[in-house]
Amino acid sequence: MSSQSQSTTVDPGISTRRLRTLTFILAAASGVSIANIFYSQPLLDLIAQTFAVTDSTASIVVTVTQLGYAAGIIVLMPLGDLIENRALASRVLIVTAVASAVAGFATNLPLFLVFSAILGFTSVVAQIVVPLAAHLAPAGQGGRYVGQVMSGLLLGIMLARSVSSFLADLWGWRSVYLASAVLMVIMSVVLALTLPRRRPDHTGSYSSLMISIWHLIREEPALRRRAIMQALMFGTFSAFWTSVTYELIKDHHLSQTQIAIFALVGAAGAGAAPIAGRIGDRGLGGPATGIVFALGAVAMGIAGFGVHNLIVLALAGVLLDLAVQGNLVLSQQEIYALRPDARSRLNTVFIGSVFFGGAIGSALSGTLYEHAGWSGVAILGVVFALIGLGIWAASQLLRRKA
């Protein structure tokens, strides 16, 4: 880690024990924040019934929430390079709590969509805390600690669907949003009391900060490549999990509790994050990226052919989650090394692109499922993954020629 990045760490002599505790807190904050983006996926059938709309219309909830998150990444996350990080994260979580509570009480779909977008917009805290892990990590161990925080984030993504389904089965789908509101308040207090203060190096205005993002996009080809590739991977992921609930209900006749159990299989993929971090630390991120994209294509192929078998479908979900999570950590490790003093802005470009890709995947998934069934969704996922694999292969060829 460069001396410049080290200077942004308030306590460069932090003990290993405290670093582990802080890493756990950052992972928890990231996980419970990002979960807000995915709570709605297994609830779409219930939401459609409550607001008397079609399944395709209900799937807009996922798209709107992810677009809100992408907008939050663009507007809010760069502030991590401008505003003291602890105050930023804890205060934004309070707004998240309010948005979740209002969404839980919404009486019509338009109001629910508005506050779903705001919920997504403020859940950007999940990504504000990830660069902080890189700043706190000792030199040469950034991949390890970022990977651990990403494990929390990815567990939040995976477990969100299960928690959502369990709560909906017990107390109705609105309880999911109300419980999240309480959790956001608790996490806000925890961050305010435990995180060290970190004042970023950037001393310019917000407008200069935003302008600098465009310079990063123009000057860093690795950032552009990683952003596009992970957008494709996350588009595949969103396509799968947006429509698989319909298939589980209509073809396999699962209850919300059974859907929750099914969704738990994806949590096994969270173990890929720290492993990917260590692989990246050893300089093997390039070949590992090709493997995870091939794995993503295989997973969607298995999902397409094995949709009528729950075990096969679950296997496809695990493989896809491994691919998504592995590539996410490998990508962030590479881009964080580009400019240590601009990690929040680098993450803004990267994660913003990722969730635009996810929103596109969700939207196309809902439309394709309505008109072409699960086969259309599976083909979409395979195509996305293969395009990403092609981009990776082209980058490897160019690197060898250079």
Protein backbone atom coordinates (compact mmCIF):
# COMPACT_ATOMS: atom_id res chain seq x y z
CA MET A 1 0.00 0.00 0.00
CA SER A 2 1.35 3.40 -0.90
CA SER A 3 2.28 6.00 1.65
CA GLN A 4 -0.49 8.16 0.29
CA SER A 5 -3.14 5.59 1.02
CA GLN A 6 -1.62 4.87 4.40
CA SER A 7 -1.93 8.50 5.34
CA THR A 8 -5.70 8.26 5.08
CA THR A 9 -5.79 5.64 7.82
CA VAL A 10 -6.34 7.35 11.12
CA ASP A 11 -4.47 4.72 13.14
CA PRO A 12 -1.78 3.06 11.00
CA GLY A 13 -0.59 1.17 14.09
CA ILE A 14 -3.94 -0.48 14.73
CA SER A 15 -3.69 -3.83 16.50
CA THR A 16 -4.50 -7.06 14.70
CA ARG A 17 -7.25 -7.88 17.19
CA ARG A 18 -8.97 -4.53 16.74
CA LEU A 19 -8.57 -4.75 12.99
CA ARG A 20 -10.39 -8.08 13.01
CA THR A 21 -13.20 -6.60 15.09
CA LEU A 22 -13.51 -3.60 12.78
CA THR A 23 -13.45 -5.86 9.74
CA PHE A 24 -16.33 -7.88 11.20
CA ILE A 25 -18.32 -4.69 11.88
CA LEU A 26 -17.66 -3.40 8.37
CA ALA A 27 -18.72 -6.76 6.93
CA ALA A 28 -21.92 -6.72 8.98
CA ALA A 29 -22.72 -3.14 7.97
CA SER A 30 -22.12 -3.93 4.34
CA GLY A 31 -24.25 -7.08 4.50
CA VAL A 32 -27.31 -5.62 6.23
CA SER A 33 -27.21 -2.56 3.96
CA ILE A 34 -26.96 -4.41 0.67
CA ALA A 35 -29.70 -6.82 1.76
CA ASN A 36 -32.23 -4.03 1.22
CA ILE A 37 -31.65 -4.32 -2.52
CA PHE A 38 -32.66 -7.98 -2.61
CA TYR A 39 -35.46 -8.37 -0.07
CA SER A 40 -38.10 -7.87 -2.76
CA GLN A 41 -36.97 -10.68 -5.09
CA PRO A 42 -38.78 -13.58 -3.38
CA LEU A 43 -41.72 -11.32 -2.50
CA LEU A 44 -42.73 -10.34 -6.03
CA ASP A 45 -45.65 -12.75 -6.19
CA LEU A 46 -47.00 -11.44 -2.86
CA ILE A 47 -46.44 -7.82 -3.88
CA ALA A 48 -48.25 -8.45 -7.16
CA GLN A 49 -51.24 -9.83 -5.25
CA THR A 50 -51.28 -6.96 -2.74
CA PHE A 51 -51.25 -4.24 -5.38
CA ALA A 52 -53.29 -6.24 -7.95
CA VAL A 53 -50.70 -6.10 -10.74
CA THR A 54 -49.11 -8.68 -13.06
CA ASP A 55 -45.89 -10.54 -12.27
CA SER A 56 -44.10 -8.56 -14.97
CA THR A 57 -45.22 -5.27 -13.42
CA ALA A 58 -44.19 -6.44 -9.95
CA SER A 59 -40.68 -7.25 -11.21
CA ILE A 60 -40.23 -3.49 -11.77
CA VAL A 61 -39.73 -3.25 -8.00
CA VAL A 62 -36.37 -5.02 -8.34
CA THR A 63 -35.34 -2.85 -11.28
CA VAL A 64 -36.30 0.42 -9.55
CA THR A 65 -34.48 -0.54 -6.35
CA GLN A 66 -31.31 -1.44 -8.23
CA LEU A 67 -31.47 1.73 -10.31
CA GLY A 68 -31.84 3.69 -7.07
CA TYR A 69 -28.77 1.93 -5.74
CA ALA A 70 -26.82 2.71 -8.90
CA ALA A 71 -27.83 6.37 -8.58
CA GLY A 72 -26.70 6.35 -4.95
CA ILE A 73 -23.37 4.93 -6.01
CA ILE A 74 -22.91 7.81 -8.45
CA VAL A 75 -24.18 10.62 -6.22
CA LEU A 76 -23.37 9.54 -2.64
CA MET A 77 -20.43 7.17 -2.74
CA PRO A 78 -17.84 9.66 -4.04
CA LEU A 79 -18.41 11.51 -0.76
CA GLY A 80 -16.29 8.78 0.84
CA ASP A 81 -13.29 10.64 -0.63
CA LEU A 82 -14.54 13.97 0.69
CA ILE A 83 -16.46 13.54 4.00
CA GLU A 84 -15.34 11.83 7.19
CA ASN A 85 -16.36 8.22 6.60
CA ARG A 86 -17.85 7.27 9.98
CA ALA A 87 -20.26 10.20 10.02
CA LEU A 88 -21.21 9.67 6.38
CA ALA A 89 -22.05 5.99 6.81
CA SER A 90 -23.97 6.30 10.08
CA ARG A 91 -26.09 9.26 8.93
CA VAL A 92 -27.02 7.75 5.58
CA LEU A 93 -28.22 4.61 7.39
CA ILE A 94 -30.80 6.70 9.27
CA VAL A 95 -32.27 7.84 5.95
CA THR A 96 -32.28 4.20 4.83
CA ALA A 97 -34.31 3.30 7.92
CA VAL A 98 -36.92 5.96 7.14
CA ALA A 99 -37.23 4.84 3.49
CA SER A 100 -37.64 1.20 4.52
CA ALA A 101 -40.33 2.05 7.06
CA VAL A 102 -42.36 4.11 4.59
CA ALA A 103 -42.06 1.36 1.95
CA GLY A 104 -43.39 -1.10 4.51
CA PHE A 105 -46.50 1.01 5.08
CA ALA A 106 -47.07 1.95 1.41
CA THR A 107 -50.70 1.59 0.32
CA ASN A 108 -50.19 1.63 -3.45
CA LEU A 109 -47.56 0.51 -5.94
CA PRO A 110 -46.39 3.99 -7.12
CA LEU A 111 -45.62 5.03 -3.52
CA PHE A 112 -43.93 1.72 -2.87
CA LEU A 113 -41.78 2.15 -6.00
CA VAL A 114 -40.72 5.67 -5.00
CA PHE A 115 -39.52 4.61 -1.58
CA SER A 116 -37.99 1.42 -2.97
CA ALA A 117 -35.86 3.68 -5.17
CA ILE A 118 -34.92 5.83 -2.14
CA LEU A 119 -34.16 2.67 -0.18
CA GLY A 120 -31.82 1.54 -2.93
CA PHE A 121 -30.28 5.02 -3.18
CA THR A 122 -29.30 5.13 0.50
CA SER A 123 -28.24 1.48 0.80
CA VAL A 124 -25.01 2.63 -0.82
CA VAL A 125 -23.52 2.45 2.69
CA ALA A 126 -22.74 -1.15 1.76
CA GLN A 127 -20.10 0.15 -0.62
CA ILE A 128 -18.96 3.19 1.35
CA VAL A 129 -17.48 0.90 4.00
CA VAL A 130 -15.67 -1.47 1.60
CA PRO A 131 -12.87 0.98 0.63
CA LEU A 132 -12.43 1.72 4.34
CA ALA A 133 -11.33 -1.90 4.81
CA ALA A 134 -8.62 -1.39 2.18
CA HIS A 135 -7.42 1.74 3.98
CA LEU A 136 -7.22 -0.04 7.34
CA ALA A 137 -5.47 -3.15 5.97
CA PRO A 138 -1.70 -3.61 6.41
CA ALA A 139 0.49 -3.29 3.31
CA GLY A 140 0.14 -6.25 0.97
CA GLN A 141 -2.97 -7.61 2.68
CA GLY A 142 -5.63 -5.44 1.06
CA GLY A 143 -7.13 -8.35 -0.86
CA ARG A 144 -7.51 -10.39 2.32
CA TYR A 145 -9.38 -7.74 4.30
CA VAL A 146 -11.47 -6.48 1.39
CA GLY A 147 -12.37 -10.11 0.72
CA GLN A 148 -13.55 -10.54 4.30
CA VAL A 149 -15.75 -7.44 4.14
CA MET A 150 -17.05 -8.59 0.77
CA SER A 151 -17.97 -11.92 2.38
CA GLY A 152 -20.32 -9.96 4.62
CA LEU A 153 -21.71 -8.04 1.68
CA LEU A 154 -22.23 -11.20 -0.32
CA LEU A 155 -23.80 -13.04 2.60
CA GLY A 156 -26.18 -10.10 2.87
CA ILE A 157 -27.12 -10.58 -0.77
CA MET A 158 -27.56 -14.32 -0.39
CA LEU A 159 -29.33 -14.37 2.98
CA ALA A 160 -31.61 -11.45 2.12
CA ARG A 161 -33.86 -13.69 0.06
CA SER A 162 -34.10 -16.33 2.79
CA VAL A 163 -34.74 -13.84 5.59
CA SER A 164 -37.29 -12.07 3.43
CA SER A 165 -39.17 -15.26 2.66
CA PHE A 166 -39.16 -16.44 6.29
CA LEU A 167 -40.49 -13.14 7.62
CA ALA A 168 -43.10 -12.93 4.86
CA ASP A 169 -44.33 -16.41 5.71
CA LEU A 170 -44.63 -15.51 9.39
CA TRP A 171 -45.94 -11.93 9.39
CA GLY A 172 -46.47 -10.90 5.75
CA TRP A 173 -44.17 -9.18 3.27
CA ARG A 174 -44.49 -5.74 4.88
CA SER A 175 -42.74 -7.04 8.02
CA VAL A 176 -39.55 -7.43 5.99
CA TYR A 177 -39.28 -3.69 5.39
CA LEU A 178 -40.24 -2.74 8.94
CA ALA A 179 -37.68 -5.13 10.43
CA SER A 180 -35.03 -3.69 8.11
CA ALA A 181 -35.82 -0.17 9.31
CA VAL A 182 -35.11 -1.18 12.90
CA LEU A 183 -31.90 -2.96 11.87
CA MET A 184 -30.64 0.12 10.01
CA VAL A 185 -31.04 2.27 13.12
CA ILE A 186 -29.13 -0.26 15.22
CA MET A 187 -26.29 -0.48 12.68
CA SER A 188 -26.08 3.31 12.46
CA VAL A 189 -25.45 3.48 16.20
CA VAL A 190 -22.86 0.67 16.07
CA LEU A 191 -20.88 2.40 13.32
CA ALA A 192 -20.97 5.74 15.11
CA LEU A 193 -19.62 4.17 18.31
CA THR A 194 -16.97 1.81 16.91
CA LEU A 195 -15.46 2.98 13.63
CA PRO A 196 -12.29 5.09 13.70
CA ARG A 197 -12.52 8.53 12.19
CA ARG A 198 -11.08 8.76 8.69
CA ARG A 199 -10.72 12.08 6.96
CA PRO A 200 -10.03 11.72 3.21
CA ASP A 201 -7.13 13.45 1.47
CA HIS A 202 -9.31 15.21 -1.09
CA THR A 203 -9.83 18.85 -0.09
CA GLY A 204 -11.63 20.20 -3.15
CA SER A 205 -15.32 20.76 -3.72
CA TYR A 206 -17.98 18.16 -4.48
CA SER A 207 -18.10 19.34 -8.09
CA SER A 208 -14.34 18.88 -8.50
CA LEU A 209 -14.71 15.44 -6.96
CA MET A 210 -17.38 14.48 -9.49
CA ILE A 211 -15.35 15.87 -12.39
CA SER A 212 -12.39 13.77 -11.28
CA ILE A 213 -14.52 10.65 -11.74
CA TRP A 214 -14.67 11.29 -15.48
CA HIS A 215 -10.89 11.62 -15.52
CA LEU A 216 -10.62 8.23 -13.83
CA ILE A 217 -12.89 6.65 -16.43
CA ARG A 218 -10.86 8.14 -19.26
CA GLU A 219 -7.44 7.39 -17.81
CA GLU A 220 -7.90 3.89 -16.37
CA PRO A 221 -8.71 1.21 -18.97
CA ALA A 222 -8.60 -1.50 -16.29
CA LEU A 223 -11.43 0.29 -14.48
CA ARG A 224 -13.55 0.41 -17.64
CA ARG A 225 -12.91 -3.25 -18.41
CA ARG A 226 -13.66 -4.48 -14.90
CA ALA A 227 -16.80 -2.35 -14.66
CA ILE A 228 -18.24 -3.71 -17.91
CA MET A 229 -17.35 -7.31 -17.09
CA GLN A 230 -18.89 -7.27 -13.62
CA ALA A 231 -21.98 -5.49 -14.98
CA LEU A 232 -22.46 -8.45 -17.31
CA MET A 233 -21.87 -10.94 -14.51
CA PHE A 234 -24.27 -9.19 -12.18
CA GLY A 235 -26.83 -8.93 -14.99
CA THR A 236 -26.67 -12.73 -15.19
CA PHE A 237 -27.05 -13.02 -11.42
CA SER A 238 -30.05 -10.66 -11.33
CA ALA A 239 -31.74 -12.40 -14.24
CA PHE A 240 -31.53 -15.73 -12.41
CA TRP A 241 -32.75 -14.59 -9.00
CA THR A 242 -35.46 -12.24 -10.30
CA SER A 243 -37.33 -14.98 -12.17
CA VAL A 244 -36.43 -18.16 -10.32
CA THR A 245 -39.01 -17.38 -7.61
CA TYR A 246 -41.81 -17.52 -10.17
CA GLU A 247 -40.49 -20.89 -11.34
CA LEU A 248 -40.23 -22.23 -7.80
CA ILE A 249 -43.84 -21.24 -7.06
CA LYS A 250 -45.49 -22.20 -10.33
CA ASP A 251 -43.50 -25.28 -11.35
CA HIS A 252 -42.31 -26.66 -8.01
CA HIS A 253 -45.19 -25.29 -5.88
CA LEU A 254 -42.90 -24.10 -3.06
CA SER A 255 -44.13 -22.03 -0.14
CA GLN A 256 -42.33 -18.87 0.98
CA THR A 257 -40.53 -20.85 3.70
CA GLN A 258 -39.41 -23.45 1.17
CA ILE A 259 -38.22 -20.68 -1.14
CA ALA A 260 -36.25 -19.28 1.79
CA ILE A 261 -34.54 -22.65 2.28
CA PHE A 262 -33.78 -22.84 -1.44
CA ALA A 263 -32.25 -19.36 -1.37
CA LEU A 264 -29.92 -20.44 1.44
CA VAL A 265 -27.94 -22.59 -0.99
CA GLY A 266 -26.55 -19.45 -2.55
CA ALA A 267 -24.97 -18.43 0.75
CA ALA A 268 -22.44 -21.21 0.26
CA GLY A 269 -20.92 -19.10 -2.48
CA ALA A 270 -19.89 -16.38 -0.02
CA GLY A 271 -16.82 -18.47 0.77
CA ALA A 272 -15.46 -17.49 -2.63
CA ALA A 273 -14.77 -13.92 -1.51
CA PRO A 274 -11.81 -14.42 0.86
CA ILE A 275 -10.42 -17.15 -1.39
CA ALA A 276 -10.57 -14.81 -4.39
CA GLY A 277 -8.89 -12.10 -2.32
CA ARG A 278 -5.94 -14.38 -1.53
CA ILE A 279 -5.71 -15.51 -5.16
CA GLY A 280 -5.55 -11.89 -6.23
CA ASP A 281 -2.86 -11.13 -3.63
CA ARG A 282 -0.75 -13.84 -5.29
CA GLY A 283 -1.03 -12.20 -8.71
CA LEU A 284 -3.39 -14.79 -10.22
CA GLY A 285 -6.36 -12.53 -10.74
CA GLY A 286 -6.13 -12.68 -14.55
CA PRO A 287 -6.56 -16.42 -15.11
CA ALA A 288 -9.01 -16.69 -12.19
CA THR A 289 -11.26 -14.14 -13.91
CA GLY A 290 -11.54 -16.30 -17.01
CA ILE A 291 -12.47 -19.30 -14.86
CA VAL A 292 -15.27 -17.50 -13.04
CA PHE A 293 -16.87 -16.26 -16.27
CA ALA A 294 -16.78 -19.76 -17.74
CA LEU A 295 -18.35 -20.96 -14.49
CA GLY A 296 -21.12 -18.36 -14.82
CA ALA A 297 -21.99 -19.56 -18.33
CA VAL A 298 -22.00 -23.19 -17.20
CA ALA A 299 -24.22 -22.33 -14.23
CA MET A 300 -26.88 -20.71 -16.40
CA GLY A 301 -26.71 -23.58 -18.86
CA ILE A 302 -27.32 -26.03 -16.01
CA ALA A 303 -30.17 -23.84 -14.77
CA GLY A 304 -31.79 -23.91 -18.20
CA PHE A 305 -31.60 -27.66 -18.73
CA GLY A 306 -32.23 -28.67 -15.12
CA VAL A 307 -35.03 -26.32 -14.17
CA HIS A 308 -37.46 -29.14 -13.40
CA ASN A 309 -35.10 -30.66 -10.83
CA LEU A 310 -34.75 -28.67 -7.60
CA ILE A 311 -31.33 -30.13 -6.75
CA VAL A 312 -29.92 -29.27 -10.16
CA LEU A 313 -31.44 -25.79 -10.01
CA ALA A 314 -29.91 -25.27 -6.56
CA LEU A 315 -26.52 -26.41 -7.85
CA ALA A 316 -26.76 -23.87 -10.64
CA GLY A 317 -27.50 -21.17 -8.06
CA VAL A 318 -24.43 -22.08 -6.00
CA LEU A 319 -22.14 -22.10 -9.05
CA LEU A 320 -23.49 -18.77 -10.25
CA ASP A 321 -23.01 -17.18 -6.82
CA LEU A 322 -19.44 -18.48 -6.69
CA ALA A 323 -18.76 -16.88 -10.07
CA VAL A 324 -20.33 -13.53 -9.19
CA GLN A 325 -18.64 -13.24 -5.83
CA GLY A 326 -15.25 -14.39 -7.02
CA ASN A 327 -15.16 -11.91 -9.88
CA LEU A 328 -16.41 -9.09 -7.66
CA VAL A 329 -13.50 -9.42 -5.24
CA LEU A 330 -10.92 -9.94 -8.00
CA SER A 331 -12.21 -6.82 -9.75
CA GLN A 332 -12.21 -4.61 -6.67
CA GLN A 333 -8.75 -5.71 -5.70
CA GLU A 334 -7.43 -4.71 -9.12
CA ILE A 335 -9.14 -1.33 -9.27
CA TYR A 336 -8.27 -0.36 -5.66
CA ALA A 337 -4.60 -0.75 -6.56
CA LEU A 338 -4.91 1.79 -9.38
CA ARG A 339 -5.26 4.92 -7.23
CA PRO A 340 -5.33 4.34 -3.45
CA ASP A 341 -6.30 7.97 -2.79
CA ALA A 342 -9.42 7.66 -4.97
CA ARG A 343 -10.87 4.33 -3.92
CA SER A 344 -14.38 5.64 -3.26
CA ARG A 345 -14.49 7.24 -6.70
CA LEU A 346 -13.10 4.12 -8.36
CA ASN A 347 -15.76 2.12 -6.55
CA THR A 348 -18.37 4.63 -7.71
CA VAL A 349 -17.63 3.85 -11.36
CA PHE A 350 -17.30 0.14 -10.76
CA ILE A 351 -20.32 -0.55 -8.54
CA GLY A 352 -22.50 1.99 -10.35
CA SER A 353 -21.89 0.08 -13.58
CA VAL A 354 -22.48 -3.23 -11.84
CA PHE A 355 -25.94 -2.27 -10.59
CA PHE A 356 -26.96 -0.73 -13.88
CA GLY A 357 -26.11 -4.13 -15.32
CA GLY A 358 -28.15 -5.78 -12.57
CA ALA A 359 -31.12 -3.54 -13.26
CA ILE A 360 -30.96 -4.37 -16.96
CA GLY A 361 -30.72 -8.08 -16.15
CA SER A 362 -33.77 -7.87 -13.86
CA ALA A 363 -35.83 -5.93 -16.39
CA LEU A 364 -34.99 -8.26 -19.27
CA SER A 365 -35.54 -11.28 -17.06
CA GLY A 366 -39.08 -10.25 -16.16
CA THR A 367 -39.98 -9.59 -19.79
CA LEU A 368 -38.35 -12.74 -21.12
CA TYR A 369 -39.96 -14.92 -18.46
CA GLU A 370 -43.40 -13.60 -19.37
CA HIS A 371 -42.92 -14.19 -23.11
CA ALA A 372 -40.40 -17.05 -23.38
CA GLY A 373 -40.47 -18.72 -19.98
CA TRP A 374 -37.44 -19.86 -18.00
CA SER A 375 -35.56 -20.90 -21.13
CA GLY A 376 -35.41 -17.29 -22.26
CA VAL A 377 -33.96 -16.24 -18.89
CA ALA A 378 -31.34 -18.99 -19.01
CA ILE A 379 -30.25 -18.05 -22.52
CA LEU A 380 -29.94 -14.41 -21.48
CA GLY A 381 -27.64 -15.39 -18.61
CA VAL A 382 -25.46 -17.58 -20.79
CA VAL A 383 -25.09 -14.81 -23.37
CA PHE A 384 -24.12 -12.23 -20.74
CA ALA A 385 -21.51 -14.55 -19.24
CA LEU A 386 -20.04 -15.44 -22.63
CA ILE A 387 -19.73 -11.78 -23.59
CA GLY A 388 -17.82 -11.20 -20.37
CA LEU A 389 -15.60 -14.19 -21.13
CA GLY A 390 -14.90 -12.75 -24.57
CA ILE A 391 -13.88 -9.39 -23.08
CA TRP A 392 -11.55 -11.19 -20.68
CA ALA A 393 -9.99 -13.23 -23.50
CA ALA A 394 -9.45 -10.12 -25.61
CA SER A 395 -7.76 -8.31 -22.70
CA GLN A 396 -5.43 -11.25 -22.15
CA LEU A 397 -4.41 -11.25 -25.81
CA LEU A 398 -3.74 -7.52 -25.78
CA ARG A 399 -1.66 -7.87 -22.62
CA ARG A 400 0.52 -10.56 -24.19
CA LYS A 401 1.10 -8.44 -27.30
CA ALA A 402 2.04 -5.37 -25.26
